[in-house]
Amino acid sequence: MIRILIADDHAMVRQGLRNILSGQSDFQVIAEASNHGEVMQHLRREPCDVLVLDIAMPGKNGIDTLKQVKLELPNLPVLILSMYSEDQYGVRALKAGAWGYLTKMAAADQLVDAIRQVVRGRKYITAELGQSLAESLHRDKDAPAHALLSDREFQTLRLIASGKTLTQIGQALALSPKTVSVYRARLLEKLGLQSNAELTRYAFENKLVE
């Protein structure tokens, strides 16, 4: 029996995933979590065979949670299931330790196949993510500036481009507004920009936000 922990901040999404996965005779959804704290609490209390993890969760997001999971349970397969396309977060997720990455547009049988594959100890990589990986391995001096941003800087860029204030960004990332200001200053320096308006334009031109 493959024991699964589902982590997503939307109850309807969790229920939908539970319905899909419970249809497999060898799958057992042992618990659900809606945020970083609940994920870690469940993992410390009851072992599972795979964690299906969303990125956009309140407080610490899925990438932060993934990094913490890899510190405490380095051998636990983590499958990212996200609303974000592979070229936005897929490579970052794999570099942070994910065993696979799927978007929520994926078919149910893809999710089932992905879970079976990562539990067997193999990475699950879609054609789209494979292309993004190939491009990341062959980046040169012409690589986009945002490819060199840290995860936090990348998250801050996306949130600024989405119209969030420093306070709202701090709440979303569980950081103080002062710390967010530091990330914003780094962004401006690394991207060679001068204002939030220029950051927003850069994000849209490079398809970093939808």
Protein backbone atom coordinates (compact mmCIF):
# COMPACT_ATOMS: atom_id res chain seq x y z
CA MET A 1 0.00 0.00 0.00
CA ILE A 2 1.34 3.43 -1.01
CA ARG A 3 0.66 5.90 1.79
CA ILE A 4 0.12 9.46 0.55
CA LEU A 5 0.04 12.86 2.26
CA ILE A 6 -1.74 15.60 0.28
CA ALA A 7 -0.74 19.23 0.92
CA ASP A 8 -2.79 22.04 -0.66
CA ASP A 9 -4.42 25.10 0.88
CA HIS A 10 -7.72 24.60 -0.98
CA ALA A 11 -10.09 22.08 0.59
CA MET A 12 -11.85 21.40 -2.72
CA VAL A 13 -8.54 20.58 -4.42
CA ARG A 14 -7.59 18.22 -1.59
CA GLN A 15 -10.96 16.49 -1.84
CA GLY A 16 -10.60 16.13 -5.59
CA LEU A 17 -7.14 14.64 -5.22
CA ARG A 18 -8.37 12.29 -2.50
CA ASN A 19 -11.16 11.08 -4.78
CA ILE A 20 -8.73 10.43 -7.64
CA LEU A 21 -6.13 8.67 -5.55
CA SER A 22 -8.55 6.63 -3.46
CA GLY A 23 -9.74 5.03 -6.69
CA GLN A 24 -6.45 3.10 -6.82
CA SER A 25 -6.54 -0.13 -4.85
CA ASP A 26 -2.94 0.24 -3.70
CA PHE A 27 -3.17 3.93 -2.73
CA GLN A 28 -4.08 5.19 0.74
CA VAL A 29 -4.42 8.91 1.51
CA ILE A 30 -3.38 8.94 5.14
CA ALA A 31 -3.71 12.69 5.79
CA GLU A 32 -4.24 16.15 4.33
CA ALA A 33 -2.44 19.42 5.13
CA SER A 34 -3.20 23.02 4.21
CA ASN A 35 0.06 24.74 5.18
CA HIS A 36 3.73 24.23 6.03
CA GLY A 37 3.13 23.64 9.74
CA GLU A 38 0.53 20.95 9.13
CA VAL A 39 2.77 19.19 6.60
CA MET A 40 5.67 18.96 9.02
CA GLN A 41 3.39 17.97 11.89
CA HIS A 42 1.90 15.08 9.91
CA LEU A 43 5.29 13.89 8.65
CA ARG A 44 6.79 13.89 12.14
CA ARG A 45 3.81 11.99 13.54
CA GLU A 46 3.01 9.43 10.85
CA PRO A 47 5.28 8.19 8.05
CA CYS A 48 4.15 8.22 4.44
CA ASP A 49 5.56 6.96 1.15
CA VAL A 50 5.06 10.12 -0.90
CA LEU A 51 4.13 13.76 -0.33
CA VAL A 52 2.01 15.48 -3.00
CA LEU A 53 2.78 19.15 -2.41
CA ASP A 54 1.38 22.42 -3.76
CA ILE A 55 3.58 25.51 -4.13
CA ALA A 56 1.12 28.34 -3.41
CA MET A 57 0.39 27.84 0.27
CA PRO A 58 0.04 30.49 3.00
CA GLY A 59 3.08 31.36 5.11
CA LYS A 60 6.00 29.26 3.94
CA ASN A 61 5.30 28.18 0.39
CA GLY A 62 5.81 24.76 -1.16
CA ILE A 63 9.45 25.34 -2.13
CA ASP A 64 10.31 26.32 1.45
CA THR A 65 8.37 23.31 2.75
CA LEU A 66 10.15 21.05 0.27
CA LYS A 67 13.55 22.22 1.52
CA GLN A 68 12.55 21.56 5.13
CA VAL A 69 11.23 18.10 4.24
CA LYS A 70 14.50 17.23 2.49
CA LEU A 71 16.43 18.28 5.60
CA GLU A 72 14.38 16.07 7.92
CA LEU A 73 13.39 13.25 5.55
CA PRO A 74 15.89 13.27 2.68
CA ASN A 75 14.64 9.99 1.22
CA LEU A 76 10.95 10.88 1.12
CA PRO A 77 9.74 11.35 -2.48
CA VAL A 78 8.03 14.72 -2.94
CA LEU A 79 5.86 15.30 -6.00
CA ILE A 80 5.02 18.94 -6.69
CA LEU A 81 1.51 19.53 -8.07
CA SER A 82 1.11 23.20 -8.88
CA MET A 83 -0.93 25.74 -10.80
CA TYR A 84 2.33 27.23 -12.09
CA SER A 85 3.74 26.06 -15.42
CA GLU A 86 6.94 24.01 -15.58
CA ASP A 87 9.00 26.89 -16.93
CA GLN A 88 8.06 29.06 -13.94
CA TYR A 89 8.87 26.72 -11.06
CA GLY A 90 9.65 23.23 -12.38
CA VAL A 91 13.43 23.48 -12.54
CA ARG A 92 13.59 25.33 -9.22
CA ALA A 93 11.50 22.60 -7.59
CA LEU A 94 13.76 19.82 -8.89
CA LYS A 95 16.86 21.69 -7.77
CA ALA A 96 15.30 22.05 -4.31
CA GLY A 97 14.83 18.27 -4.10
CA ALA A 98 11.47 17.42 -5.68
CA TRP A 99 11.21 14.02 -7.38
CA GLY A 100 8.71 15.27 -9.94
CA TYR A 101 6.63 18.23 -11.04
CA LEU A 102 3.12 18.31 -12.49
CA THR A 103 0.74 21.16 -13.18
CA LYS A 104 -2.86 20.99 -12.05
CA MET A 105 -3.84 20.84 -15.72
CA ALA A 106 -2.42 17.32 -15.87
CA ALA A 107 -4.75 14.36 -16.39
CA ALA A 108 -5.60 12.15 -13.42
CA ASP A 109 -3.73 9.18 -14.89
CA GLN A 110 -0.57 11.32 -15.12
CA LEU A 111 -0.78 12.00 -11.39
CA VAL A 112 -1.24 8.30 -10.65
CA ASP A 113 1.70 7.37 -12.90
CA ALA A 114 3.87 10.09 -11.34
CA ILE A 115 3.20 8.82 -7.82
CA ARG A 116 4.00 5.23 -8.77
CA GLN A 117 7.21 6.35 -10.47
CA VAL A 118 8.60 8.48 -7.63
CA VAL A 119 7.76 5.81 -5.06
CA ARG A 120 9.90 3.42 -7.14
CA GLY A 121 12.78 5.85 -6.73
CA ARG A 122 12.64 7.43 -10.19
CA LYS A 123 12.21 11.09 -11.11
CA TYR A 124 9.01 12.03 -12.93
CA ILE A 125 9.73 14.58 -15.64
CA THR A 126 7.23 15.68 -18.27
CA ALA A 127 8.32 16.64 -21.78
CA GLU A 128 7.80 20.31 -20.91
CA LEU A 129 9.92 20.07 -17.78
CA GLY A 130 12.55 18.08 -19.65
CA GLN A 131 12.85 20.95 -22.11
CA SER A 132 13.19 23.47 -19.28
CA LEU A 133 15.88 21.31 -17.67
CA ALA A 134 17.79 21.01 -20.91
CA GLU A 135 17.71 24.76 -21.36
CA SER A 136 18.89 25.34 -17.79
CA LEU A 137 21.84 22.99 -18.30
CA HIS A 138 22.97 24.86 -21.39
CA ARG A 139 22.52 28.42 -20.25
CA ASP A 140 25.28 30.78 -21.25
CA LYS A 141 25.95 34.49 -21.17
CA ASP A 142 22.65 35.04 -22.97
CA ALA A 143 20.62 33.49 -20.12
CA PRO A 144 17.88 35.78 -18.75
CA ALA A 145 18.84 37.76 -15.67
CA HIS A 146 16.04 36.24 -13.60
CA ALA A 147 17.62 32.78 -13.99
CA LEU A 148 20.24 33.89 -11.45
CA LEU A 149 17.75 35.03 -8.81
CA SER A 150 17.42 33.12 -5.55
CA ASP A 151 14.08 31.43 -4.82
CA ARG A 152 13.11 34.22 -2.42
CA GLU A 153 14.04 36.92 -4.91
CA PHE A 154 12.08 35.14 -7.63
CA GLN A 155 9.02 34.85 -5.36
CA THR A 156 9.30 38.53 -4.44
CA LEU A 157 9.51 39.52 -8.10
CA ARG A 158 6.35 37.59 -8.95
CA LEU A 159 4.45 39.09 -6.03
CA ILE A 160 5.52 42.64 -6.84
CA ALA A 161 4.43 42.09 -10.43
CA SER A 162 1.09 40.84 -9.12
CA GLY A 163 0.53 44.21 -7.45
CA LYS A 164 1.23 43.20 -3.84
CA THR A 165 2.57 45.73 -1.35
CA LEU A 166 5.67 45.04 0.74
CA THR A 167 3.45 44.30 3.73
CA GLN A 168 1.31 41.88 1.73
CA ILE A 169 4.41 40.19 0.33
CA GLY A 170 5.80 39.87 3.85
CA GLN A 171 2.58 38.20 4.98
CA ALA A 172 2.61 35.84 2.01
CA LEU A 173 6.23 34.80 2.59
CA ALA A 174 6.21 35.01 6.41
CA LEU A 175 8.83 37.77 6.32
CA SER A 176 9.03 41.26 7.76
CA PRO A 177 8.44 44.20 5.37
CA LYS A 178 12.04 45.25 6.04
CA THR A 179 13.33 41.91 4.82
CA VAL A 180 11.11 42.14 1.75
CA SER A 181 12.63 45.56 1.06
CA VAL A 182 16.07 43.93 1.06
CA TYR A 183 14.92 41.37 -1.51
CA ARG A 184 13.38 44.15 -3.61
CA ALA A 185 16.66 46.09 -3.55
CA ARG A 186 18.56 42.97 -4.65
CA LEU A 187 16.06 42.44 -7.45
CA LEU A 188 16.48 45.95 -8.77
CA GLU A 189 20.27 45.61 -8.67
CA LYS A 190 20.46 42.17 -10.28
CA LEU A 191 17.97 43.02 -13.03
CA GLY A 192 19.32 46.52 -13.59
CA LEU A 193 15.92 48.13 -12.98
CA GLN A 194 14.82 51.23 -11.09
CA SER A 195 11.24 50.79 -9.89
CA ASN A 196 8.32 48.44 -9.20
CA ALA A 197 6.82 49.47 -12.53
CA GLU A 198 9.96 48.29 -14.33
CA LEU A 199 9.99 45.06 -12.30
CA THR A 200 6.37 44.45 -13.27
CA ARG A 201 7.04 45.10 -16.94
CA TYR A 202 10.06 42.78 -16.83
CA ALA A 203 8.00 39.99 -15.24
CA PHE A 204 5.27 40.23 -17.85
CA GLU A 205 7.68 40.48 -20.78
CA ASN A 206 9.43 37.32 -19.58
CA LYS A 207 6.14 35.53 -18.83
CA LEU A 208 6.93 35.12 -15.14
CA VAL A 209 3.35 35.99 -14.18
CA GLU A 210 0.07 35.15 -15.83
